[in-house]
Amino acid sequence: MPDPFTVEHVHDVLRQYARKRPDLGTRNALVDAVLEPGSPFDSKAVRTPKRWFVLLSILVLLAFACFVCFNRLW
């Protein structure tokens, strides 16, 4: 009967798999969610932010500025 897998062994195998696949990961998922898709024909093209991200950033900064201004923290 083969030996059962241990947690450490499975963790090491998953870590090695993740290191071999740099296209996977939280960072790449966040970047893909915030930036427009890259051009498959031009790898040096700059990826611009998505409209919703720019709008949300402006609204958050405006709300923060109003909070600071009206609470006399400036």
N, C-alpha and C. Protein backbone atom coordinates (compact mmCIF):
# COMPACT_ATOMS: atom_id res chain seq x y z
N MET A 1 0.85 -1.17 0.00
CA MET A 1 0.00 0.00 0.00
C MET A 1 0.90 1.24 0.00
N PRO A 2 0.64 2.22 -0.87
CA PRO A 2 1.49 3.42 -0.92
C PRO A 2 1.27 4.28 0.33
N ASP A 3 2.32 5.02 0.66
CA ASP A 3 2.24 5.92 1.81
C ASP A 3 1.27 7.06 1.51
N PRO A 4 0.49 7.49 2.51
CA PRO A 4 -0.42 8.62 2.28
C PRO A 4 0.38 9.93 2.16
N PHE A 5 -0.18 10.85 1.45
CA PHE A 5 0.46 12.16 1.30
C PHE A 5 0.39 12.94 2.60
N THR A 6 1.44 13.66 2.89
CA THR A 6 1.43 14.54 4.05
C THR A 6 1.13 15.95 3.60
N VAL A 7 0.76 16.77 4.53
CA VAL A 7 0.45 18.17 4.22
C VAL A 7 1.69 18.87 3.68
N GLU A 8 2.83 18.59 4.26
CA GLU A 8 4.07 19.24 3.82
C GLU A 8 4.41 18.87 2.38
N HIS A 9 4.22 17.59 2.04
CA HIS A 9 4.52 17.14 0.68
C HIS A 9 3.61 17.82 -0.34
N VAL A 10 2.33 17.87 -0.05
CA VAL A 10 1.38 18.52 -0.96
C VAL A 10 1.69 20.00 -1.08
N HIS A 11 2.04 20.64 0.03
CA HIS A 11 2.37 22.06 0.01
C HIS A 11 3.62 22.30 -0.85
N ASP A 12 4.62 21.46 -0.73
CA ASP A 12 5.84 21.60 -1.55
C ASP A 12 5.54 21.41 -3.03
N VAL A 13 4.70 20.45 -3.36
CA VAL A 13 4.35 20.22 -4.77
C VAL A 13 3.59 21.41 -5.33
N LEU A 14 2.64 21.95 -4.59
CA LEU A 14 1.90 23.12 -5.05
C LEU A 14 2.81 24.35 -5.19
N ARG A 15 3.75 24.52 -4.27
CA ARG A 15 4.67 25.64 -4.35
C ARG A 15 5.56 25.53 -5.59
N GLN A 16 6.05 24.33 -5.89
CA GLN A 16 6.86 24.13 -7.09
C GLN A 16 6.04 24.39 -8.35
N TYR A 17 4.79 23.96 -8.36
CA TYR A 17 3.92 24.19 -9.51
C TYR A 17 3.70 25.69 -9.72
N ALA A 18 3.46 26.43 -8.64
CA ALA A 18 3.22 27.86 -8.75
C ALA A 18 4.48 28.60 -9.23
N ARG A 19 5.65 28.15 -8.83
CA ARG A 19 6.89 28.78 -9.27
C ARG A 19 7.14 28.56 -10.76
N LYS A 20 6.69 27.43 -11.27
CA LYS A 20 6.87 27.13 -12.69
C LYS A 20 5.87 27.89 -13.56
N ARG A 21 4.82 28.44 -12.97
CA ARG A 21 3.78 29.13 -13.71
C ARG A 21 3.71 30.59 -13.28
N PRO A 22 4.56 31.46 -13.84
CA PRO A 22 4.54 32.87 -13.44
C PRO A 22 3.29 33.62 -13.91
N ASP A 23 2.52 33.02 -14.82
CA ASP A 23 1.30 33.68 -15.28
C ASP A 23 0.15 33.57 -14.28
N LEU A 24 0.31 32.74 -13.26
CA LEU A 24 -0.70 32.60 -12.21
C LEU A 24 -0.33 33.46 -11.02
N GLY A 25 -1.31 33.87 -10.25
CA GLY A 25 -1.01 34.58 -9.02
C GLY A 25 -1.97 35.73 -8.76
N THR A 26 -1.96 36.18 -7.52
CA THR A 26 -2.85 37.26 -7.10
C THR A 26 -2.48 38.57 -7.77
N ARG A 27 -1.20 38.84 -7.89
CA ARG A 27 -0.75 40.10 -8.50
C ARG A 27 -1.24 40.20 -9.94
N ASN A 28 -1.08 39.14 -10.69
CA ASN A 28 -1.51 39.15 -12.08
C ASN A 28 -3.03 39.27 -12.19
N ALA A 29 -3.76 38.66 -11.29
CA ALA A 29 -5.22 38.76 -11.31
C ALA A 29 -5.66 40.19 -11.04
N LEU A 30 -5.02 40.86 -10.08
CA LEU A 30 -5.35 42.26 -9.78
C LEU A 30 -5.00 43.18 -10.95
N VAL A 31 -3.84 42.97 -11.54
CA VAL A 31 -3.42 43.80 -12.67
C VAL A 31 -4.38 43.61 -13.84
N ASP A 32 -4.78 42.37 -14.10
CA ASP A 32 -5.71 42.11 -15.20
C ASP A 32 -7.09 42.70 -14.92
N ALA A 33 -7.48 42.80 -13.66
CA ALA A 33 -8.78 43.36 -13.32
C ALA A 33 -8.79 44.87 -13.46
N VAL A 34 -7.65 45.53 -13.24
CA VAL A 34 -7.59 46.99 -13.22
C VAL A 34 -7.18 47.56 -14.58
N LEU A 35 -6.33 46.87 -15.32
CA LEU A 35 -5.82 47.40 -16.59
C LEU A 35 -6.53 46.76 -17.77
N GLU A 36 -6.57 47.52 -18.87
CA GLU A 36 -7.13 47.01 -20.12
C GLU A 36 -6.27 45.84 -20.60
N PRO A 37 -6.84 44.94 -21.38
CA PRO A 37 -6.06 43.80 -21.89
C PRO A 37 -4.89 44.27 -22.76
N GLY A 38 -3.80 43.56 -22.67
CA GLY A 38 -2.63 43.90 -23.46
C GLY A 38 -2.78 43.48 -24.91
N SER A 39 -2.02 44.11 -25.77
CA SER A 39 -2.04 43.78 -27.18
C SER A 39 -1.20 42.53 -27.42
N PRO A 40 -1.76 41.52 -28.06
CA PRO A 40 -0.97 40.31 -28.32
C PRO A 40 0.09 40.53 -29.39
N PHE A 41 -0.03 41.62 -30.16
CA PHE A 41 0.91 41.88 -31.25
C PHE A 41 2.04 42.82 -30.85
N ASP A 42 1.84 43.59 -29.78
CA ASP A 42 2.85 44.54 -29.33
C ASP A 42 3.08 44.33 -27.84
N SER A 43 4.14 43.63 -27.49
CA SER A 43 4.39 43.31 -26.09
C SER A 43 4.89 44.52 -25.29
N LYS A 44 5.35 45.57 -25.96
CA LYS A 44 5.86 46.76 -25.27
C LYS A 44 4.81 47.85 -25.13
N ALA A 45 3.60 47.60 -25.58
CA ALA A 45 2.53 48.59 -25.49
C ALA A 45 2.14 48.80 -24.03
N VAL A 46 1.82 50.03 -23.70
CA VAL A 46 1.43 50.39 -22.34
C VAL A 46 -0.04 50.03 -22.14
N ARG A 47 -0.33 49.39 -21.02
CA ARG A 47 -1.71 49.03 -20.69
C ARG A 47 -2.32 50.15 -19.88
N THR A 48 -3.42 50.72 -20.35
CA THR A 48 -4.07 51.83 -19.67
C THR A 48 -5.07 51.29 -18.64
N PRO A 49 -5.36 52.09 -17.61
CA PRO A 49 -6.35 51.64 -16.62
C PRO A 49 -7.76 51.63 -17.21
N LYS A 50 -8.60 50.79 -16.65
CA LYS A 50 -9.99 50.71 -17.09
C LYS A 50 -10.75 51.93 -16.59
N ARG A 51 -11.81 52.27 -17.31
CA ARG A 51 -12.59 53.48 -16.98
C ARG A 51 -13.17 53.42 -15.58
N TRP A 52 -13.71 52.27 -15.19
CA TRP A 52 -14.34 52.17 -13.88
C TRP A 52 -13.32 52.37 -12.77
N PHE A 53 -12.09 51.93 -12.99
CA PHE A 53 -11.05 52.09 -11.96
C PHE A 53 -10.67 53.56 -11.82
N VAL A 54 -10.56 54.26 -12.94
CA VAL A 54 -10.23 55.69 -12.89
C VAL A 54 -11.35 56.46 -12.20
N LEU A 55 -12.59 56.17 -12.56
CA LEU A 55 -13.73 56.86 -11.95
C LEU A 55 -13.80 56.57 -10.45
N LEU A 56 -13.63 55.32 -10.08
CA LEU A 56 -13.67 54.96 -8.66
C LEU A 56 -12.54 55.64 -7.88
N SER A 57 -11.36 55.71 -8.48
CA SER A 57 -10.22 56.37 -7.81
C SER A 57 -10.50 57.85 -7.60
N ILE A 58 -11.06 58.50 -8.61
CA ILE A 58 -11.38 59.93 -8.48
C ILE A 58 -12.43 60.15 -7.40
N LEU A 59 -13.45 59.31 -7.37
CA LEU A 59 -14.50 59.46 -6.36
C LEU A 59 -13.97 59.23 -4.94
N VAL A 60 -13.10 58.25 -4.78
CA VAL A 60 -12.51 57.99 -3.46
C VAL A 60 -11.64 59.16 -3.02
N LEU A 61 -10.84 59.69 -3.92
CA LEU A 61 -10.00 60.84 -3.58
C LEU A 61 -10.84 62.07 -3.28
N LEU A 62 -11.92 62.28 -4.02
CA LEU A 62 -12.82 63.41 -3.76
C LEU A 62 -13.49 63.27 -2.40
N ALA A 63 -13.95 62.07 -2.07
CA ALA A 63 -14.57 61.84 -0.76
C ALA A 63 -13.56 62.06 0.37
N PHE A 64 -12.34 61.61 0.18
CA PHE A 64 -11.30 61.82 1.19
C PHE A 64 -10.98 63.31 1.34
N ALA A 65 -10.92 64.03 0.22
CA ALA A 65 -10.65 65.48 0.28
C ALA A 65 -11.77 66.21 0.99
N CYS A 66 -13.02 65.82 0.74
CA CYS A 66 -14.15 66.44 1.44
C CYS A 66 -14.10 66.14 2.93
N PHE A 67 -13.77 64.94 3.29
CA PHE A 67 -13.66 64.57 4.70
C PHE A 67 -12.59 65.40 5.40
N VAL A 68 -11.44 65.54 4.77
CA VAL A 68 -10.35 66.31 5.36
C VAL A 68 -10.72 67.77 5.46
N CYS A 69 -11.31 68.31 4.39
CA CYS A 69 -11.65 69.73 4.36
C CYS A 69 -12.72 70.08 5.39
N PHE A 70 -13.80 69.31 5.45
CA PHE A 70 -14.91 69.65 6.34
C PHE A 70 -14.64 69.32 7.80
N ASN A 71 -13.66 68.52 8.08
CA ASN A 71 -13.28 68.24 9.46
C ASN A 71 -12.08 69.08 9.90
N ARG A 72 -11.71 70.01 9.08
CA ARG A 72 -10.62 70.97 9.38
C ARG A 72 -9.34 70.26 9.76
N LEU A 73 -9.00 69.22 9.02
CA LEU A 73 -7.75 68.50 9.27
C LEU A 73 -6.64 69.04 8.40
N TRP A 74 -6.94 69.99 7.57
CA TRP A 74 -5.97 70.54 6.64
C TRP A 74 -5.19 71.65 7.25
